[in-house]
PDB file of all heavy atoms in Angstrom:
ATOM      1  N   LEU A   1      44.302  29.923  47.742  1.00  0.00           N
ATOM      2  CA  LEU A   1      43.297  29.522  46.763  1.00  0.00           C
ATOM      3  C   LEU A   1      42.417  30.712  46.405  1.00  0.00           C
ATOM      4  O   LEU A   1      42.255  31.648  47.212  1.00  0.00           O
ATOM      5  CB  LEU A   1      42.436  28.394  47.331  1.00  0.00           C
ATOM      6  CG  LEU A   1      43.176  27.128  47.775  1.00  0.00           C
ATOM      7  CD1 LEU A   1      42.187  26.138  48.375  1.00  0.00           C
ATOM      8  CD2 LEU A   1      43.921  26.488  46.618  1.00  0.00           C
ATOM      9  N   PRO A   2      41.828  30.711  45.217  1.00  0.00           N
ATOM     10  CA  PRO A   2      40.822  31.737  44.891  1.00  0.00           C
ATOM     11  C   PRO A   2      39.712  31.738  45.930  1.00  0.00           C
ATOM     12  O   PRO A   2      39.334  30.675  46.449  1.00  0.00           O
ATOM     13  CB  PRO A   2      40.331  31.307  43.506  1.00  0.00           C
ATOM     14  CG  PRO A   2      41.436  30.490  42.939  1.00  0.00           C
ATOM     15  CD  PRO A   2      42.079  29.792  44.097  1.00  0.00           C
ATOM     16  N   TRP A   3      39.193  32.943  46.228  1.00  0.00           N
ATOM     17  CA  TRP A   3      38.259  33.035  47.358  1.00  0.00           C
ATOM     18  C   TRP A   3      36.999  32.218  47.146  1.00  0.00           C
ATOM     19  O   TRP A   3      36.444  31.663  48.097  1.00  0.00           O
ATOM     20  CB  TRP A   3      37.916  34.489  47.636  1.00  0.00           C
ATOM     21  CG  TRP A   3      37.052  35.144  46.596  1.00  0.00           C
ATOM     22  CD1 TRP A   3      37.453  35.784  45.484  1.00  0.00           C
ATOM     23  CD2 TRP A   3      35.616  35.190  46.609  1.00  0.00           C
ATOM     24  NE1 TRP A   3      36.377  36.237  44.772  1.00  0.00           N
ATOM     25  CE2 TRP A   3      35.221  35.896  45.435  1.00  0.00           C
ATOM     26  CE3 TRP A   3      34.627  34.734  47.467  1.00  0.00           C
ATOM     27  CZ2 TRP A   3      33.907  36.128  45.115  1.00  0.00           C
ATOM     28  CZ3 TRP A   3      33.306  34.972  47.165  1.00  0.00           C
ATOM     29  CH2 TRP A   3      32.943  35.653  46.005  1.00  0.00           C
ATOM     30  N   MET A   4      36.524  32.082  45.898  1.00  0.00           N
ATOM     31  CA  MET A   4      35.328  31.259  45.660  1.00  0.00           C
ATOM     32  C   MET A   4      35.644  29.784  45.871  1.00  0.00           C
ATOM     33  O   MET A   4      34.834  29.040  46.429  1.00  0.00           O
ATOM     34  CB  MET A   4      34.799  31.506  44.245  1.00  0.00           C
ATOM     35  CG  MET A   4      34.224  32.905  44.035  1.00  0.00           C
ATOM     36  SD  MET A   4      33.406  33.123  42.436  1.00  0.00           S
ATOM     37  CE  MET A   4      32.022  32.019  42.614  1.00  0.00           C
ATOM     38  N   SER A   5      36.815  29.347  45.434  1.00  0.00           N
ATOM     39  CA  SER A   5      37.218  27.963  45.684  1.00  0.00           C
ATOM     40  C   SER A   5      37.390  27.723  47.171  1.00  0.00           C
ATOM     41  O   SER A   5      37.011  26.662  47.695  1.00  0.00           O
ATOM     42  CB  SER A   5      38.516  27.653  44.943  1.00  0.00           C
ATOM     43  OG  SER A   5      38.352  27.764  43.547  1.00  0.00           O
ATOM     44  N   GLN A   6      37.982  28.726  47.881  1.00  0.00           N
ATOM     45  CA  GLN A   6      38.150  28.584  49.311  1.00  0.00           C
ATOM     46  C   GLN A   6      36.804  28.489  50.026  1.00  0.00           C
ATOM     47  O   GLN A   6      36.639  27.704  50.963  1.00  0.00           O
ATOM     48  CB  GLN A   6      38.938  29.786  49.847  1.00  0.00           C
ATOM     49  CG  GLN A   6      39.265  29.694  51.342  1.00  0.00           C
ATOM     50  CD  GLN A   6      40.111  28.483  51.667  1.00  0.00           C
ATOM     51  OE1 GLN A   6      41.148  28.254  51.037  1.00  0.00           O
ATOM     52  NE2 GLN A   6      39.681  27.685  52.631  1.00  0.00           N
ATOM     53  N   LEU A   7      35.839  29.283  49.561  1.00  0.00           N
ATOM     54  CA  LEU A   7      34.500  29.225  50.152  1.00  0.00           C
ATOM     55  C   LEU A   7      33.866  27.849  49.936  1.00  0.00           C
ATOM     56  O   LEU A   7      33.280  27.264  50.865  1.00  0.00           O
ATOM     57  CB  LEU A   7      33.627  30.320  49.533  1.00  0.00           C
ATOM     58  CG  LEU A   7      32.195  30.447  50.059  1.00  0.00           C
ATOM     59  CD1 LEU A   7      32.211  30.838  51.529  1.00  0.00           C
ATOM     60  CD2 LEU A   7      31.417  31.475  49.256  1.00  0.00           C
ATOM     61  N   LEU A   8      34.000  27.321  48.735  1.00  0.00           N
ATOM     62  CA  LEU A   8      33.436  26.004  48.441  1.00  0.00           C
ATOM     63  C   LEU A   8      34.124  24.921  49.244  1.00  0.00           C
ATOM     64  O   LEU A   8      33.472  24.011  49.781  1.00  0.00           O
ATOM     65  CB  LEU A   8      33.552  25.735  46.943  1.00  0.00           C
ATOM     66  CG  LEU A   8      32.923  24.426  46.429  1.00  0.00           C
ATOM     67  CD1 LEU A   8      31.415  24.436  46.644  1.00  0.00           C
ATOM     68  CD2 LEU A   8      33.242  24.218  44.949  1.00  0.00           C
ATOM     69  N   LEU A   9      35.438  24.991  49.352  1.00  0.00           N
ATOM     70  CA  LEU A   9      36.183  23.972  50.097  1.00  0.00           C
ATOM     71  C   LEU A   9      35.927  24.085  51.597  1.00  0.00           C
ATOM     72  O   LEU A   9      35.941  23.068  52.311  1.00  0.00           O
ATOM     73  CB  LEU A   9      37.673  24.099  49.801  1.00  0.00           C
ATOM     74  CG  LEU A   9      38.063  23.784  48.349  1.00  0.00           C
ATOM     75  CD1 LEU A   9      39.537  24.041  48.118  1.00  0.00           C
ATOM     76  CD2 LEU A   9      37.719  22.340  47.994  1.00  0.00           C
ATOM     77  N   SER A  10      35.678  25.296  52.086  1.00  0.00           N
ATOM     78  CA  SER A  10      35.321  25.441  53.507  1.00  0.00           C
ATOM     79  C   SER A  10      34.005  24.729  53.792  1.00  0.00           C
ATOM     80  O   SER A  10      33.838  24.074  54.831  1.00  0.00           O
ATOM     81  CB  SER A  10      35.211  26.927  53.869  1.00  0.00           C
ATOM     82  OG  SER A  10      36.443  27.577  53.696  1.00  0.00           O
ATOM     83  N   TRP A  11      33.073  24.877  52.863  1.00  0.00           N
ATOM     84  CA  TRP A  11      31.827  24.129  53.006  1.00  0.00           C
ATOM     85  C   TRP A  11      32.102  22.625  52.966  1.00  0.00           C
ATOM     86  O   TRP A  11      31.504  21.852  53.729  1.00  0.00           O
ATOM     87  CB  TRP A  11      30.849  24.501  51.903  1.00  0.00           C
ATOM     88  CG  TRP A  11      29.796  23.439  51.686  1.00  0.00           C
ATOM     89  CD1 TRP A  11      29.725  22.552  50.658  1.00  0.00           C
ATOM     90  CD2 TRP A  11      28.727  23.101  52.564  1.00  0.00           C
ATOM     91  NE1 TRP A  11      28.666  21.704  50.817  1.00  0.00           N
ATOM     92  CE2 TRP A  11      28.022  22.012  51.978  1.00  0.00           C
ATOM     93  CE3 TRP A  11      28.271  23.621  53.775  1.00  0.00           C
ATOM     94  CZ2 TRP A  11      26.923  21.435  52.571  1.00  0.00           C
ATOM     95  CZ3 TRP A  11      27.165  23.051  54.368  1.00  0.00           C
ATOM     96  CH2 TRP A  11      26.495  21.974  53.762  1.00  0.00           C
ATOM     97  N   GLY A  12      33.034  22.190  52.083  1.00  0.00           N
ATOM     98  CA  GLY A  12      33.374  20.779  52.002  1.00  0.00           C
ATOM     99  C   GLY A  12      33.947  20.252  53.302  1.00  0.00           C
ATOM    100  O   GLY A  12      33.618  19.147  53.737  1.00  0.00           O
ATOM    101  N   GLU A  13      34.792  21.034  53.939  1.00  0.00           N
ATOM    102  CA  GLU A  13      35.353  20.619  55.218  1.00  0.00           C
ATOM    103  C   GLU A  13      34.262  20.505  56.283  1.00  0.00           C
ATOM    104  O   GLU A  13      34.238  19.572  57.088  1.00  0.00           O
ATOM    105  CB  GLU A  13      36.415  21.620  55.656  1.00  0.00           C
ATOM    106  CG  GLU A  13      37.652  21.632  54.765  1.00  0.00           C
ATOM    107  CD  GLU A  13      38.637  22.710  55.182  1.00  0.00           C
ATOM    108  OE1 GLU A  13      38.329  23.430  56.163  1.00  0.00           O
ATOM    109  OE2 GLU A  13      39.685  22.836  54.535  1.00  0.00           O
ATOM    110  N   PHE A  14      33.353  21.489  56.279  1.00  0.00           N
ATOM    111  CA  PHE A  14      32.247  21.454  57.248  1.00  0.00           C
ATOM    112  C   PHE A  14      31.349  20.235  57.003  1.00  0.00           C
ATOM    113  O   PHE A  14      30.943  19.545  57.944  1.00  0.00           O
ATOM    114  CB  PHE A  14      31.442  22.740  57.144  1.00  0.00           C
ATOM    115  CG  PHE A  14      30.221  22.777  58.026  1.00  0.00           C
ATOM    116  CD1 PHE A  14      30.338  23.074  59.379  1.00  0.00           C
ATOM    117  CD2 PHE A  14      28.958  22.494  57.515  1.00  0.00           C
ATOM    118  CE1 PHE A  14      29.218  23.109  60.193  1.00  0.00           C
ATOM    119  CE2 PHE A  14      27.841  22.515  58.334  1.00  0.00           C
ATOM    120  CZ  PHE A  14      27.970  22.826  59.680  1.00  0.00           C
ATOM    121  N   ALA A  15      31.038  19.962  55.716  1.00  0.00           N
ATOM    122  CA  ALA A  15      30.182  18.823  55.393  1.00  0.00           C
ATOM    123  C   ALA A  15      30.847  17.509  55.748  1.00  0.00           C
ATOM    124  O   ALA A  15      30.196  16.575  56.235  1.00  0.00           O
ATOM    125  CB  ALA A  15      29.827  18.855  53.904  1.00  0.00           C
ATOM    126  N   GLY A  16      32.153  17.412  55.541  1.00  0.00           N
ATOM    127  CA  GLY A  16      32.863  16.180  55.891  1.00  0.00           C
ATOM    128  C   GLY A  16      32.892  15.941  57.388  1.00  0.00           C
ATOM    129  O   GLY A  16      32.859  14.792  57.842  1.00  0.00           O
ATOM    130  N   ALA A  17      32.941  17.025  58.186  1.00  0.00           N
ATOM    131  CA  ALA A  17      33.010  16.877  59.642  1.00  0.00           C
ATOM    132  C   ALA A  17      31.644  16.678  60.283  1.00  0.00           C
ATOM    133  O   ALA A  17      31.553  16.184  61.410  1.00  0.00           O
ATOM    134  CB  ALA A  17      33.705  18.105  60.247  1.00  0.00           C
ATOM    135  N   HIS A  18      30.576  17.067  59.604  1.00  0.00           N
ATOM    136  CA  HIS A  18      29.225  16.976  60.191  1.00  0.00           C
ATOM    137  C   HIS A  18      28.269  16.257  59.236  1.00  0.00           C
ATOM    138  O   HIS A  18      27.131  16.687  59.053  1.00  0.00           O
ATOM    139  CB  HIS A  18      28.683  18.375  60.498  1.00  0.00           C
ATOM    140  CG  HIS A  18      29.549  19.168  61.414  1.00  0.00           C
ATOM    141  ND1 HIS A  18      30.615  19.931  60.966  1.00  0.00           N
ATOM    142  CD2 HIS A  18      29.521  19.324  62.780  1.00  0.00           C
ATOM    143  CE1 HIS A  18      31.190  20.530  61.992  1.00  0.00           C
ATOM    144  NE2 HIS A  18      30.553  20.178  63.110  1.00  0.00           N
ATOM    145  N   THR A  19      28.714  15.180  58.628  1.00  0.00           N
ATOM    146  CA  THR A  19      27.892  14.467  57.647  1.00  0.00           C
ATOM    147  C   THR A  19      26.594  13.961  58.257  1.00  0.00           C
ATOM    148  O   THR A  19      25.506  14.135  57.690  1.00  0.00           O
ATOM    149  CB  THR A  19      28.686  13.300  57.045  1.00  0.00           C
ATOM    150  OG1 THR A  19      29.901  13.804  56.483  1.00  0.00           O
ATOM    151  CG2 THR A  19      27.874  12.600  55.961  1.00  0.00           C
ATOM    152  N   SER A  20      26.676  13.327  59.429  1.00  0.00           N
ATOM    153  CA  SER A  20      25.468  12.748  60.053  1.00  0.00           C
ATOM    154  C   SER A  20      24.460  13.832  60.396  1.00  0.00           C
ATOM    155  O   SER A  20      23.249  13.684  60.140  1.00  0.00           O
ATOM    156  CB  SER A  20      25.861  11.971  61.314  1.00  0.00           C
ATOM    157  OG  SER A  20      26.752  10.922  60.999  1.00  0.00           O
ATOM    158  N   ASP A  21      24.953  14.931  60.957  1.00  0.00           N
ATOM    159  CA  ASP A  21      24.036  16.013  61.328  1.00  0.00           C
ATOM    160  C   ASP A  21      23.362  16.607  60.093  1.00  0.00           C
ATOM    161  O   ASP A  21      22.164  16.933  60.111  1.00  0.00           O
ATOM    162  CB  ASP A  21      24.798  17.109  62.075  1.00  0.00           C
ATOM    163  CG  ASP A  21      25.355  16.613  63.400  1.00  0.00           C
ATOM    164  OD1 ASP A  21      24.788  15.652  63.948  1.00  0.00           O
ATOM    165  OD2 ASP A  21      26.348  17.197  63.873  1.00  0.00           O
ATOM    166  N   LEU A  22      24.122  16.750  59.009  1.00  0.00           N
ATOM    167  CA  LEU A  22      23.545  17.311  57.784  1.00  0.00           C
ATOM    168  C   LEU A  22      22.494  16.384  57.186  1.00  0.00           C
ATOM    169  O   LEU A  22      21.464  16.837  56.688  1.00  0.00           O
ATOM    170  CB  LEU A  22      24.648  17.578  56.765  1.00  0.00           C
ATOM    171  CG  LEU A  22      25.590  18.746  57.099  1.00  0.00           C
ATOM    172  CD1 LEU A  22      26.721  18.833  56.077  1.00  0.00           C
ATOM    173  CD2 LEU A  22      24.827  20.065  57.132  1.00  0.00           C
ATOM    174  N   LEU A  23      22.765  15.065  57.233  1.00  0.00           N
ATOM    175  CA  LEU A  23      21.783  14.107  56.702  1.00  0.00           C
ATOM    176  C   LEU A  23      20.499  14.137  57.525  1.00  0.00           C
ATOM    177  O   LEU A  23      19.393  14.091  56.974  1.00  0.00           O
ATOM    178  CB  LEU A  23      22.371  12.701  56.691  1.00  0.00           C
ATOM    179  CG  LEU A  23      23.476  12.444  55.655  1.00  0.00           C
ATOM    180  CD1 LEU A  23      24.043  11.029  55.817  1.00  0.00           C
ATOM    181  CD2 LEU A  23      22.942  12.627  54.239  1.00  0.00           C
ATOM    182  N   ILE A  24      20.622  14.224  58.849  1.00  0.00           N
ATOM    183  CA  ILE A  24      19.437  14.305  59.703  1.00  0.00           C
ATOM    184  C   ILE A  24      18.661  15.584  59.425  1.00  0.00           C
ATOM    185  O   ILE A  24      17.425  15.590  59.309  1.00  0.00           O
ATOM    186  CB  ILE A  24      19.838  14.221  61.183  1.00  0.00           C
ATOM    187  CG1 ILE A  24      20.418  12.836  61.493  1.00  0.00           C
ATOM    188  CG2 ILE A  24      18.638  14.503  62.084  1.00  0.00           C
ATOM    189  CD1 ILE A  24      20.984  12.711  62.893  1.00  0.00           C
ATOM    190  N   GLY A  25      19.398  16.699  59.298  1.00  0.00           N
ATOM    191  CA  GLY A  25      18.744  17.966  58.989  1.00  0.00           C
ATOM    192  C   GLY A  25      18.064  17.950  57.632  1.00  0.00           C
ATOM    193  O   GLY A  25      16.961  18.488  57.470  1.00  0.00           O
ATOM    194  N   LEU A  26      18.726  17.312  56.643  1.00  0.00           N
ATOM    195  CA  LEU A  26      18.123  17.214  55.313  1.00  0.00           C
ATOM    196  C   LEU A  26      16.844  16.393  55.353  1.00  0.00           C
ATOM    197  O   LEU A  26      15.829  16.764  54.748  1.00  0.00           O
ATOM    198  CB  LEU A  26      19.124  16.598  54.337  1.00  0.00           C
ATOM    199  CG  LEU A  26      18.639  16.402  52.899  1.00  0.00           C
ATOM    200  CD1 LEU A  26      18.297  17.746  52.264  1.00  0.00           C
ATOM    201  CD2 LEU A  26      19.689  15.676  52.068  1.00  0.00           C
ATOM    202  N   GLY A  27      16.882  15.266  56.083  1.00  0.00           N
ATOM    203  CA  GLY A  27      15.684  14.437  56.197  1.00  0.00           C
ATOM    204  C   GLY A  27      14.551  15.177  56.886  1.00  0.00           C
ATOM    205  O   GLY A  27      13.388  15.097  56.460  1.00  0.00           O
ATOM    206  N   ALA A  28      14.872  15.915  57.960  1.00  0.00           N
ATOM    207  CA  ALA A  28      13.830  16.679  58.657  1.00  0.00           C
ATOM    208  C   ALA A  28      13.271  17.784  57.762  1.00  0.00           C
ATOM    209  O   ALA A  28      12.059  18.042  57.755  1.00  0.00           O
ATOM    210  CB  ALA A  28      14.410  17.276  59.933  1.00  0.00           C
ATOM    211  N   THR A  29      14.142  18.420  56.977  1.00  0.00           N
ATOM    212  CA  THR A  29      13.682  19.475  56.078  1.00  0.00           C
ATOM    213  C   THR A  29      12.761  18.937  54.999  1.00  0.00           C
ATOM    214  O   THR A  29      11.712  19.523  54.694  1.00  0.00           O
ATOM    215  CB  THR A  29      14.886  20.178  55.425  1.00  0.00           C
ATOM    216  OG1 THR A  29      15.732  20.707  56.454  1.00  0.00           O
ATOM    217  CG2 THR A  29      14.425  21.305  54.513  1.00  0.00           C
ATOM    218  N   VAL A  30      13.140  17.788  54.415  1.00  0.00           N
ATOM    219  CA  VAL A  30      12.308  17.171  53.371  1.00  0.00           C
ATOM    220  C   VAL A  30      10.944  16.785  53.942  1.00  0.00           C
ATOM    221  O   VAL A  30       9.901  16.994  53.323  1.00  0.00           O
ATOM    222  CB  VAL A  30      13.022  15.958  52.765  1.00  0.00           C
ATOM    223  CG1 VAL A  30      12.090  15.170  51.860  1.00  0.00           C
ATOM    224  CG2 VAL A  30      14.252  16.398  51.988  1.00  0.00           C
ATOM    225  N   THR A  31      10.950  16.202  55.166  1.00  0.00           N
ATOM    226  CA  THR A  31       9.685  15.813  55.803  1.00  0.00           C
ATOM    227  C   THR A  31       8.807  17.029  56.068  1.00  0.00           C
ATOM    228  O   THR A  31       7.594  17.020  55.814  1.00  0.00           O
ATOM    229  CB  THR A  31       9.965  15.072  57.114  1.00  0.00           C
ATOM    230  OG1 THR A  31      10.796  13.939  56.862  1.00  0.00           O
ATOM    231  CG2 THR A  31       8.662  14.602  57.752  1.00  0.00           C
ATOM    232  N   LEU A  32       9.418  18.101  56.569  1.00  0.00           N
ATOM    233  CA  LEU A  32       8.660  19.324  56.843  1.00  0.00           C
ATOM    234  C   LEU A  32       8.102  19.922  55.562  1.00  0.00           C
ATOM    235  O   LEU A  32       6.936  20.352  55.519  1.00  0.00           O
ATOM    236  CB  LEU A  32       9.567  20.333  57.546  1.00  0.00           C
ATOM    237  CG  LEU A  32       8.936  21.691  57.887  1.00  0.00           C
ATOM    238  CD1 LEU A  32       7.778  21.501  58.860  1.00  0.00           C
ATOM    239  CD2 LEU A  32       9.979  22.635  58.478  1.00  0.00           C
TER     240      LEU A  32
END
């Protein structure tokens, strides 16, 4: 894949595997 697409999809894989952690982090960031 093109390297920019690969970078975006790597983030997608990470987000799919750590959805709960990202949501908790997002909520804590918004509160802060």
